[in-house]
N, C-alpha and C. Protein backbone atom coordinates (compact mmCIF):
# COMPACT_ATOMS: atom_id res chain seq x y z
N MET A 1 127.85 192.84 10.71
CA MET A 1 127.75 191.52 11.30
C MET A 1 126.56 191.42 12.26
N LYS A 2 126.35 192.49 13.04
CA LYS A 2 125.24 192.49 13.99
C LYS A 2 123.90 192.37 13.26
N LYS A 3 123.79 193.04 12.12
CA LYS A 3 122.55 193.01 11.35
C LYS A 3 122.21 191.58 10.90
N ILE A 4 123.19 190.88 10.38
CA ILE A 4 122.95 189.52 9.91
C ILE A 4 122.65 188.59 11.06
N MET A 5 123.29 188.80 12.21
CA MET A 5 123.03 187.94 13.38
C MET A 5 121.61 188.19 13.91
N THR A 6 121.17 189.43 13.89
CA THR A 6 119.81 189.75 14.32
C THR A 6 118.79 189.11 13.38
N ARG A 7 119.03 189.22 12.09
CA ARG A 7 118.13 188.61 11.12
C ARG A 7 118.13 187.08 11.26
N LEU A 8 119.29 186.52 11.43
CA LEU A 8 119.42 185.06 11.60
C LEU A 8 118.62 184.61 12.82
N TYR A 9 118.75 185.34 13.91
CA TYR A 9 118.03 185.01 15.14
C TYR A 9 116.52 185.10 14.92
N ARG A 10 116.06 186.18 14.26
CA ARG A 10 114.61 186.33 13.99
C ARG A 10 114.07 185.15 13.19
N HIS A 11 114.82 184.72 12.18
CA HIS A 11 114.36 183.60 11.36
C HIS A 11 114.44 182.29 12.11
N PHE A 12 115.37 182.19 13.05
CA PHE A 12 115.50 180.97 13.83
C PHE A 12 114.33 180.81 14.80
N ILE A 13 113.89 181.91 15.42
CA ILE A 13 112.84 181.81 16.43
C ILE A 13 111.43 181.94 15.86
N THR A 14 111.28 182.39 14.62
CA THR A 14 109.96 182.55 14.04
C THR A 14 109.55 181.22 13.40
N THR A 15 108.51 180.63 13.94
CA THR A 15 108.11 179.29 13.51
C THR A 15 106.75 179.35 12.80
N SER A 16 106.35 178.19 12.30
CA SER A 16 105.03 178.11 11.66
C SER A 16 103.92 178.40 12.67
N ARG A 17 104.20 178.13 13.93
CA ARG A 17 103.23 178.47 14.97
C ARG A 17 103.00 179.96 15.05
N THR A 18 104.08 180.74 14.91
CA THR A 18 103.99 182.21 14.89
C THR A 18 103.09 182.65 13.75
N ALA A 19 103.29 182.05 12.58
CA ALA A 19 102.50 182.42 11.41
C ALA A 19 101.03 182.04 11.59
N ARG A 20 100.78 180.85 12.17
CA ARG A 20 99.39 180.41 12.40
C ARG A 20 98.68 181.32 13.42
N LYS A 21 99.46 181.84 14.37
CA LYS A 21 98.86 182.76 15.34
C LYS A 21 98.47 184.08 14.66
N ALA A 22 99.33 184.56 13.75
CA ALA A 22 99.03 185.79 13.01
C ALA A 22 97.93 185.59 11.99
N PHE A 23 97.91 184.40 11.38
CA PHE A 23 96.91 184.09 10.33
C PHE A 23 96.20 182.78 10.68
N PRO A 24 95.26 182.83 11.64
CA PRO A 24 94.52 181.63 12.02
C PRO A 24 93.57 181.19 10.88
N ALA A 25 92.99 180.03 11.05
CA ALA A 25 92.13 179.44 10.01
C ALA A 25 91.02 180.40 9.57
N ILE A 26 90.38 181.09 10.49
CA ILE A 26 89.28 182.01 10.11
C ILE A 26 89.79 183.14 9.22
N THR A 27 90.98 183.64 9.53
CA THR A 27 91.57 184.70 8.71
C THR A 27 91.91 184.17 7.32
N LEU A 28 92.44 182.97 7.26
CA LEU A 28 92.77 182.39 5.94
C LEU A 28 91.51 182.17 5.10
N MET A 29 90.42 181.75 5.75
CA MET A 29 89.15 181.58 5.00
C MET A 29 88.64 182.92 4.48
N GLU A 30 88.76 183.97 5.29
CA GLU A 30 88.30 185.28 4.83
C GLU A 30 89.20 185.85 3.74
N ILE A 31 90.50 185.56 3.81
CA ILE A 31 91.42 185.98 2.76
C ILE A 31 91.03 185.29 1.44
N GLN A 32 90.78 183.99 1.51
CA GLN A 32 90.38 183.26 0.32
C GLN A 32 89.09 183.82 -0.27
N ALA A 33 88.13 184.13 0.59
CA ALA A 33 86.87 184.70 0.14
C ALA A 33 87.09 186.07 -0.51
N LYS A 34 87.97 186.89 0.07
CA LYS A 34 88.25 188.23 -0.45
C LYS A 34 88.93 188.13 -1.82
N ILE A 35 89.85 187.17 -1.99
CA ILE A 35 90.49 186.98 -3.28
C ILE A 35 89.46 186.55 -4.32
N ALA A 36 88.62 185.57 -3.95
CA ALA A 36 87.58 185.09 -4.88
C ALA A 36 86.60 186.21 -5.25
N GLU A 37 86.23 187.02 -4.27
CA GLU A 37 85.33 188.15 -4.50
C GLU A 37 85.94 189.11 -5.51
N GLY A 38 87.21 189.42 -5.35
CA GLY A 38 87.87 190.32 -6.28
C GLY A 38 87.98 189.74 -7.67
N GLU A 39 88.23 188.45 -7.76
CA GLU A 39 88.41 187.83 -9.08
C GLU A 39 87.09 187.72 -9.85
N ARG A 40 85.98 188.00 -9.19
CA ARG A 40 84.70 188.08 -9.90
C ARG A 40 84.54 189.45 -10.57
N THR A 41 85.40 190.42 -10.18
CA THR A 41 85.29 191.76 -10.75
C THR A 41 86.46 192.14 -11.65
N HIS A 42 87.54 191.34 -11.64
CA HIS A 42 88.68 191.61 -12.50
C HIS A 42 89.20 190.32 -13.11
N ARG A 43 90.00 190.46 -14.15
CA ARG A 43 90.53 189.30 -14.88
C ARG A 43 91.84 188.78 -14.30
N ALA A 44 92.46 189.51 -13.39
CA ALA A 44 93.75 189.10 -12.85
C ALA A 44 93.60 187.88 -11.93
N GLU A 45 94.74 187.26 -11.66
CA GLU A 45 94.80 186.11 -10.76
C GLU A 45 95.67 186.50 -9.58
N ALA A 46 95.07 186.56 -8.40
CA ALA A 46 95.79 186.95 -7.18
C ALA A 46 96.03 185.71 -6.32
N ARG A 47 97.16 185.72 -5.66
CA ARG A 47 97.51 184.62 -4.74
C ARG A 47 98.26 185.23 -3.57
N MET A 48 98.03 184.68 -2.37
CA MET A 48 98.74 185.15 -1.19
C MET A 48 99.53 184.00 -0.59
N ILE A 49 100.79 184.27 -0.26
CA ILE A 49 101.64 183.28 0.40
C ILE A 49 102.20 183.91 1.65
N VAL A 50 102.03 183.21 2.78
CA VAL A 50 102.57 183.65 4.06
C VAL A 50 103.66 182.66 4.44
N GLU A 51 104.85 183.20 4.70
CA GLU A 51 105.97 182.33 5.10
C GLU A 51 106.47 182.82 6.45
N SER A 52 106.56 181.90 7.39
CA SER A 52 106.99 182.30 8.73
C SER A 52 108.43 182.80 8.71
N SER A 53 109.32 182.04 8.06
CA SER A 53 110.74 182.41 8.03
C SER A 53 111.43 181.71 6.88
N LEU A 54 112.60 182.17 6.56
CA LEU A 54 113.44 181.51 5.56
C LEU A 54 114.31 180.50 6.28
N ASN A 55 114.80 179.50 5.52
CA ASN A 55 115.74 178.59 6.17
C ASN A 55 117.04 179.35 6.43
N LEU A 56 117.78 178.86 7.39
CA LEU A 56 118.97 179.61 7.84
C LEU A 56 120.03 179.76 6.74
N ARG A 57 120.11 178.79 5.85
CA ARG A 57 121.07 178.89 4.73
C ARG A 57 120.70 180.08 3.85
N ALA A 58 119.41 180.26 3.56
CA ALA A 58 118.97 181.41 2.75
C ALA A 58 119.31 182.73 3.45
N VAL A 59 119.11 182.77 4.74
CA VAL A 59 119.42 183.99 5.51
C VAL A 59 120.93 184.28 5.43
N LEU A 60 121.74 183.25 5.64
CA LEU A 60 123.19 183.43 5.57
C LEU A 60 123.66 183.84 4.18
N ASN A 61 122.94 183.39 3.16
CA ASN A 61 123.27 183.77 1.77
C ASN A 61 122.70 185.13 1.39
N GLY A 62 122.00 185.78 2.32
CA GLY A 62 121.51 187.12 2.06
C GLY A 62 120.27 187.20 1.20
N VAL A 63 119.51 186.10 1.11
CA VAL A 63 118.28 186.12 0.32
C VAL A 63 117.30 187.09 0.97
N THR A 64 116.80 188.04 0.17
CA THR A 64 115.85 189.03 0.67
C THR A 64 114.42 188.50 0.53
N SER A 65 113.50 189.14 1.21
CA SER A 65 112.10 188.77 1.07
C SER A 65 111.64 188.97 -0.38
N ARG A 66 112.12 190.01 -1.01
CA ARG A 66 111.75 190.25 -2.41
C ARG A 66 112.24 189.15 -3.32
N GLN A 67 113.50 188.72 -3.11
CA GLN A 67 114.03 187.62 -3.91
C GLN A 67 113.24 186.35 -3.68
N ARG A 68 112.88 186.08 -2.43
CA ARG A 68 112.10 184.90 -2.11
C ARG A 68 110.72 184.98 -2.75
N ALA A 69 110.10 186.15 -2.76
CA ALA A 69 108.80 186.33 -3.39
C ALA A 69 108.89 186.04 -4.89
N HIS A 70 109.95 186.50 -5.54
CA HIS A 70 110.15 186.21 -6.98
C HIS A 70 110.30 184.71 -7.20
N GLU A 71 111.04 184.07 -6.29
CA GLU A 71 111.23 182.61 -6.41
C GLU A 71 109.89 181.88 -6.30
N LEU A 72 109.05 182.28 -5.36
CA LEU A 72 107.74 181.66 -5.17
C LEU A 72 106.80 181.97 -6.34
N PHE A 73 106.88 183.19 -6.86
CA PHE A 73 106.07 183.57 -8.03
C PHE A 73 106.37 182.59 -9.17
N SER A 74 107.63 182.31 -9.37
CA SER A 74 108.03 181.38 -10.42
C SER A 74 107.65 179.95 -10.07
N HIS A 75 107.94 179.53 -8.85
CA HIS A 75 107.67 178.15 -8.43
C HIS A 75 106.19 177.78 -8.57
N TYR A 76 105.32 178.69 -8.22
CA TYR A 76 103.89 178.44 -8.30
C TYR A 76 103.29 178.85 -9.63
N ARG A 77 104.16 179.15 -10.59
CA ARG A 77 103.78 179.42 -11.99
C ARG A 77 102.74 180.54 -12.11
N MET A 78 102.91 181.57 -11.33
CA MET A 78 101.96 182.68 -11.36
C MET A 78 102.07 183.48 -12.66
N TRP A 79 103.17 183.32 -13.34
CA TRP A 79 103.39 183.98 -14.63
C TRP A 79 102.66 183.23 -15.75
N ASP A 80 102.11 182.08 -15.46
CA ASP A 80 101.54 181.21 -16.50
C ASP A 80 100.03 181.40 -16.64
N THR A 81 99.58 182.64 -16.62
CA THR A 81 98.16 182.91 -16.84
C THR A 81 97.98 183.39 -18.28
N GLU A 82 96.81 183.21 -18.79
CA GLU A 82 96.53 183.50 -20.19
C GLU A 82 96.90 184.92 -20.60
N GLU A 83 96.61 185.89 -19.75
CA GLU A 83 96.87 187.28 -20.10
C GLU A 83 98.11 187.87 -19.41
N ASN A 84 98.89 187.04 -18.74
CA ASN A 84 100.07 187.51 -17.98
C ASN A 84 99.65 188.53 -16.92
N ILE A 85 98.66 188.14 -16.12
CA ILE A 85 98.12 189.06 -15.12
C ILE A 85 98.07 188.42 -13.72
N GLY A 86 99.11 187.68 -13.38
CA GLY A 86 99.22 187.11 -12.05
C GLY A 86 99.77 188.12 -11.06
N VAL A 87 99.31 188.06 -9.82
CA VAL A 87 99.79 188.95 -8.74
C VAL A 87 99.99 188.11 -7.51
N LEU A 88 101.19 188.21 -6.93
CA LEU A 88 101.49 187.51 -5.70
C LEU A 88 101.62 188.52 -4.56
N LEU A 89 100.90 188.26 -3.48
CA LEU A 89 101.04 189.04 -2.25
C LEU A 89 101.77 188.11 -1.29
N TYR A 90 103.01 188.47 -0.95
CA TYR A 90 103.88 187.62 -0.14
C TYR A 90 104.15 188.30 1.19
N VAL A 91 104.00 187.52 2.27
CA VAL A 91 104.27 188.02 3.61
C VAL A 91 105.35 187.14 4.24
N ASN A 92 106.41 187.79 4.72
CA ASN A 92 107.45 187.09 5.45
C ASN A 92 107.39 187.59 6.89
N ILE A 93 106.95 186.72 7.78
CA ILE A 93 106.72 187.10 9.17
C ILE A 93 108.03 187.50 9.87
N ALA A 94 109.07 186.71 9.72
CA ALA A 94 110.33 186.98 10.41
C ALA A 94 110.97 188.29 9.98
N ASP A 95 110.89 188.59 8.70
CA ASP A 95 111.47 189.86 8.19
C ASP A 95 110.53 191.04 8.34
N HIS A 96 109.29 190.80 8.72
CA HIS A 96 108.27 191.87 8.83
C HIS A 96 108.12 192.56 7.47
N LYS A 97 108.09 191.77 6.40
CA LYS A 97 108.04 192.32 5.04
C LYS A 97 106.81 191.82 4.32
N VAL A 98 106.27 192.70 3.47
CA VAL A 98 105.21 192.37 2.54
C VAL A 98 105.71 192.75 1.17
N GLU A 99 105.62 191.84 0.23
CA GLU A 99 106.06 192.08 -1.15
C GLU A 99 104.94 191.76 -2.11
N ILE A 100 104.84 192.55 -3.16
CA ILE A 100 103.90 192.24 -4.24
C ILE A 100 104.72 192.06 -5.50
N ILE A 101 104.53 190.90 -6.12
CA ILE A 101 105.19 190.58 -7.39
C ILE A 101 104.09 190.47 -8.43
N THR A 102 104.28 191.17 -9.54
CA THR A 102 103.26 191.17 -10.60
C THR A 102 103.81 190.61 -11.89
N ASP A 103 102.93 190.06 -12.68
CA ASP A 103 103.29 189.59 -14.01
C ASP A 103 103.41 190.79 -14.94
N ARG A 104 103.86 190.54 -16.14
CA ARG A 104 104.21 191.60 -17.09
C ARG A 104 103.08 192.58 -17.36
N ALA A 105 101.91 192.09 -17.71
CA ALA A 105 100.82 192.99 -18.06
C ALA A 105 100.41 193.88 -16.88
N VAL A 106 100.37 193.30 -15.70
CA VAL A 106 100.01 194.08 -14.51
C VAL A 106 101.11 195.10 -14.19
N GLY A 107 102.35 194.66 -14.31
CA GLY A 107 103.47 195.54 -14.03
C GLY A 107 103.50 196.76 -14.94
N ARG A 108 103.10 196.58 -16.19
CA ARG A 108 103.06 197.70 -17.13
C ARG A 108 101.89 198.65 -16.85
N ALA A 109 100.79 198.09 -16.35
CA ALA A 109 99.56 198.91 -16.19
C ALA A 109 99.51 199.66 -14.86
N ILE A 110 100.08 199.10 -13.81
CA ILE A 110 99.93 199.68 -12.48
C ILE A 110 101.30 200.03 -11.92
N PRO A 111 101.54 201.32 -11.62
CA PRO A 111 102.86 201.73 -11.10
C PRO A 111 103.18 201.12 -9.74
N SER A 112 104.46 200.96 -9.47
CA SER A 112 104.89 200.35 -8.22
C SER A 112 104.46 201.15 -6.99
N ALA A 113 104.30 202.44 -7.12
CA ALA A 113 103.84 203.26 -5.97
C ALA A 113 102.46 202.80 -5.48
N GLU A 114 101.63 202.38 -6.40
CA GLU A 114 100.30 201.87 -6.02
C GLU A 114 100.43 200.61 -5.20
N TRP A 115 101.36 199.73 -5.60
CA TRP A 115 101.57 198.49 -4.87
C TRP A 115 102.18 198.75 -3.51
N GLN A 116 103.06 199.75 -3.44
CA GLN A 116 103.65 200.12 -2.15
C GLN A 116 102.58 200.56 -1.15
N ALA A 117 101.59 201.24 -1.65
CA ALA A 117 100.49 201.68 -0.78
C ALA A 117 99.72 200.48 -0.24
N VAL A 118 99.54 199.46 -1.06
CA VAL A 118 98.87 198.24 -0.61
C VAL A 118 99.70 197.57 0.47
N CYS A 119 101.02 197.46 0.24
CA CYS A 119 101.92 196.86 1.23
C CYS A 119 101.90 197.64 2.54
N GLN A 120 101.90 198.95 2.47
CA GLN A 120 101.91 199.79 3.67
C GLN A 120 100.62 199.63 4.47
N THR A 121 99.52 199.36 3.79
CA THR A 121 98.26 199.10 4.48
C THR A 121 98.43 197.93 5.45
N MET A 122 99.21 196.95 5.01
CA MET A 122 99.45 195.79 5.87
C MET A 122 100.53 196.05 6.90
N THR A 123 101.68 196.50 6.48
CA THR A 123 102.83 196.62 7.39
C THR A 123 102.58 197.62 8.51
N ARG A 124 101.84 198.67 8.22
CA ARG A 124 101.55 199.67 9.24
C ARG A 124 100.79 199.02 10.41
N GLU A 125 99.85 198.16 10.11
CA GLU A 125 99.04 197.52 11.16
C GLU A 125 99.68 196.25 11.71
N PHE A 126 100.54 195.60 10.91
CA PHE A 126 101.24 194.41 11.40
C PHE A 126 102.04 194.74 12.64
N ALA A 127 102.61 195.94 12.66
CA ALA A 127 103.43 196.36 13.81
C ALA A 127 102.60 196.35 15.11
N ASN A 128 101.29 196.53 14.97
CA ASN A 128 100.39 196.51 16.13
C ASN A 128 99.79 195.12 16.36
N GLY A 129 100.18 194.14 15.53
CA GLY A 129 99.63 192.80 15.67
C GLY A 129 98.27 192.64 15.02
N THR A 130 97.87 193.60 14.20
CA THR A 130 96.57 193.56 13.55
C THR A 130 96.74 192.97 12.14
N PHE A 131 96.77 191.64 12.07
CA PHE A 131 97.00 190.97 10.78
C PHE A 131 95.71 190.79 10.00
N HIS A 132 94.65 190.39 10.69
CA HIS A 132 93.38 190.07 10.03
C HIS A 132 92.82 191.27 9.23
N ASP A 133 92.49 192.31 9.95
CA ASP A 133 91.83 193.46 9.32
C ASP A 133 92.72 194.14 8.28
N SER A 134 94.01 194.27 8.58
CA SER A 134 94.88 194.98 7.65
C SER A 134 95.10 194.18 6.37
N THR A 135 95.13 192.85 6.47
CA THR A 135 95.27 192.03 5.27
C THR A 135 94.03 192.13 4.39
N LEU A 136 92.86 192.08 5.01
CA LEU A 136 91.61 192.22 4.23
C LEU A 136 91.52 193.61 3.61
N ALA A 137 91.93 194.64 4.31
CA ALA A 137 91.92 195.99 3.76
C ALA A 137 92.89 196.09 2.57
N ALA A 138 94.06 195.47 2.69
CA ALA A 138 95.02 195.48 1.60
C ALA A 138 94.48 194.74 0.39
N LEU A 139 93.83 193.62 0.62
CA LEU A 139 93.25 192.88 -0.50
C LEU A 139 92.13 193.66 -1.17
N GLU A 140 91.39 194.42 -0.38
CA GLU A 140 90.37 195.29 -0.94
C GLU A 140 90.99 196.31 -1.89
N LYS A 141 92.10 196.94 -1.48
CA LYS A 141 92.82 197.89 -2.33
C LYS A 141 93.39 197.20 -3.57
N LEU A 142 93.97 196.02 -3.38
CA LEU A 142 94.53 195.25 -4.49
C LEU A 142 93.43 194.94 -5.51
N ASN A 143 92.29 194.46 -5.01
CA ASN A 143 91.18 194.15 -5.94
C ASN A 143 90.67 195.37 -6.66
N SER A 144 90.62 196.48 -5.96
CA SER A 144 90.16 197.74 -6.58
C SER A 144 91.09 198.17 -7.72
N LEU A 145 92.40 198.10 -7.47
CA LEU A 145 93.37 198.44 -8.52
C LEU A 145 93.21 197.53 -9.73
N LEU A 146 93.09 196.24 -9.46
CA LEU A 146 92.97 195.28 -10.56
C LEU A 146 91.65 195.45 -11.31
N THR A 147 90.59 195.76 -10.61
CA THR A 147 89.29 195.99 -11.26
C THR A 147 89.34 197.22 -12.14
N ASP A 148 90.02 198.27 -11.68
CA ASP A 148 90.15 199.50 -12.48
C ASP A 148 90.90 199.24 -13.78
N HIS A 149 91.95 198.42 -13.73
CA HIS A 149 92.81 198.21 -14.89
C HIS A 149 92.47 196.98 -15.70
N PHE A 150 91.86 195.97 -15.07
CA PHE A 150 91.55 194.72 -15.75
C PHE A 150 90.13 194.25 -15.43
N PRO A 151 89.12 195.07 -15.75
CA PRO A 151 87.75 194.68 -15.40
C PRO A 151 87.36 193.39 -16.13
N ASP A 152 86.49 192.64 -15.48
CA ASP A 152 86.02 191.37 -16.05
C ASP A 152 84.54 191.49 -16.41
N ALA A 153 84.29 191.51 -17.69
CA ALA A 153 82.91 191.60 -18.16
C ALA A 153 82.39 190.25 -18.62
N ASP A 154 83.30 189.32 -18.89
CA ASP A 154 82.92 188.03 -19.49
C ASP A 154 82.90 186.85 -18.53
N GLY A 155 83.26 187.04 -17.29
CA GLY A 155 83.28 185.94 -16.34
C GLY A 155 84.36 184.92 -16.65
N LYS A 156 85.58 185.33 -16.67
CA LYS A 156 86.71 184.45 -17.02
C LYS A 156 86.84 183.29 -16.04
N ARG A 157 87.57 182.27 -16.45
CA ARG A 157 87.77 181.12 -15.58
C ARG A 157 88.88 181.41 -14.57
N ASN A 158 88.81 180.74 -13.44
CA ASN A 158 89.81 180.90 -12.40
C ASN A 158 91.03 180.03 -12.73
N GLU A 159 92.18 180.65 -12.95
CA GLU A 159 93.36 179.92 -13.38
C GLU A 159 94.25 179.49 -12.21
N LEU A 160 94.22 180.19 -11.11
CA LEU A 160 95.05 179.87 -9.94
C LEU A 160 94.17 179.76 -8.70
N SER A 161 94.57 178.93 -7.77
CA SER A 161 93.82 178.76 -6.53
C SER A 161 93.73 180.08 -5.77
N ASP A 162 92.59 180.30 -5.14
CA ASP A 162 92.40 181.51 -4.32
C ASP A 162 92.85 181.25 -2.88
N ARG A 163 93.09 180.00 -2.54
CA ARG A 163 93.48 179.63 -1.18
C ARG A 163 94.86 180.16 -0.83
N PRO A 164 94.98 180.91 0.27
CA PRO A 164 96.32 181.39 0.66
C PRO A 164 97.18 180.21 1.10
N LEU A 165 98.45 180.30 0.81
CA LEU A 165 99.39 179.25 1.18
C LEU A 165 100.16 179.68 2.44
N MET A 166 100.33 178.74 3.35
CA MET A 166 101.15 178.96 4.54
C MET A 166 102.38 178.08 4.39
N LEU A 167 103.55 178.70 4.31
CA LEU A 167 104.79 177.93 4.18
C LEU A 167 105.57 177.97 5.48
């Protein structure tokens, strides 16, 4: 019971202002640029979503950050790319969680341990309040993995927006 009350409290007090402080406009612009830069070297489609907190009903129903990331992956149709190579980088500020959800082709090509390393690049530094640099470093690793497995030689079209979403 204490665990759920603690989580409920964290989600109650974590606001969009908290998320904007962690990810100000300049950071969001650099994230967008880093995603676009990577997509010039690989065929995958990467998207980042930052959510300050879940609504209290979701918290009471036990929705995890991973479940929420899957929901957003579906909602934003990240699975609807030509080669099934969408990748979602999801950050939940209140839960202090980073999740990576991949489409089928990416999931088959790149083991989950590789994605965990990308997530740890962020979470390790998030604890120190270093959101900007750690997010860009994680995106660099993400782009490198995708370039190794899905290099782009033909200059494919951009199927999903590179702009990070703040929810």
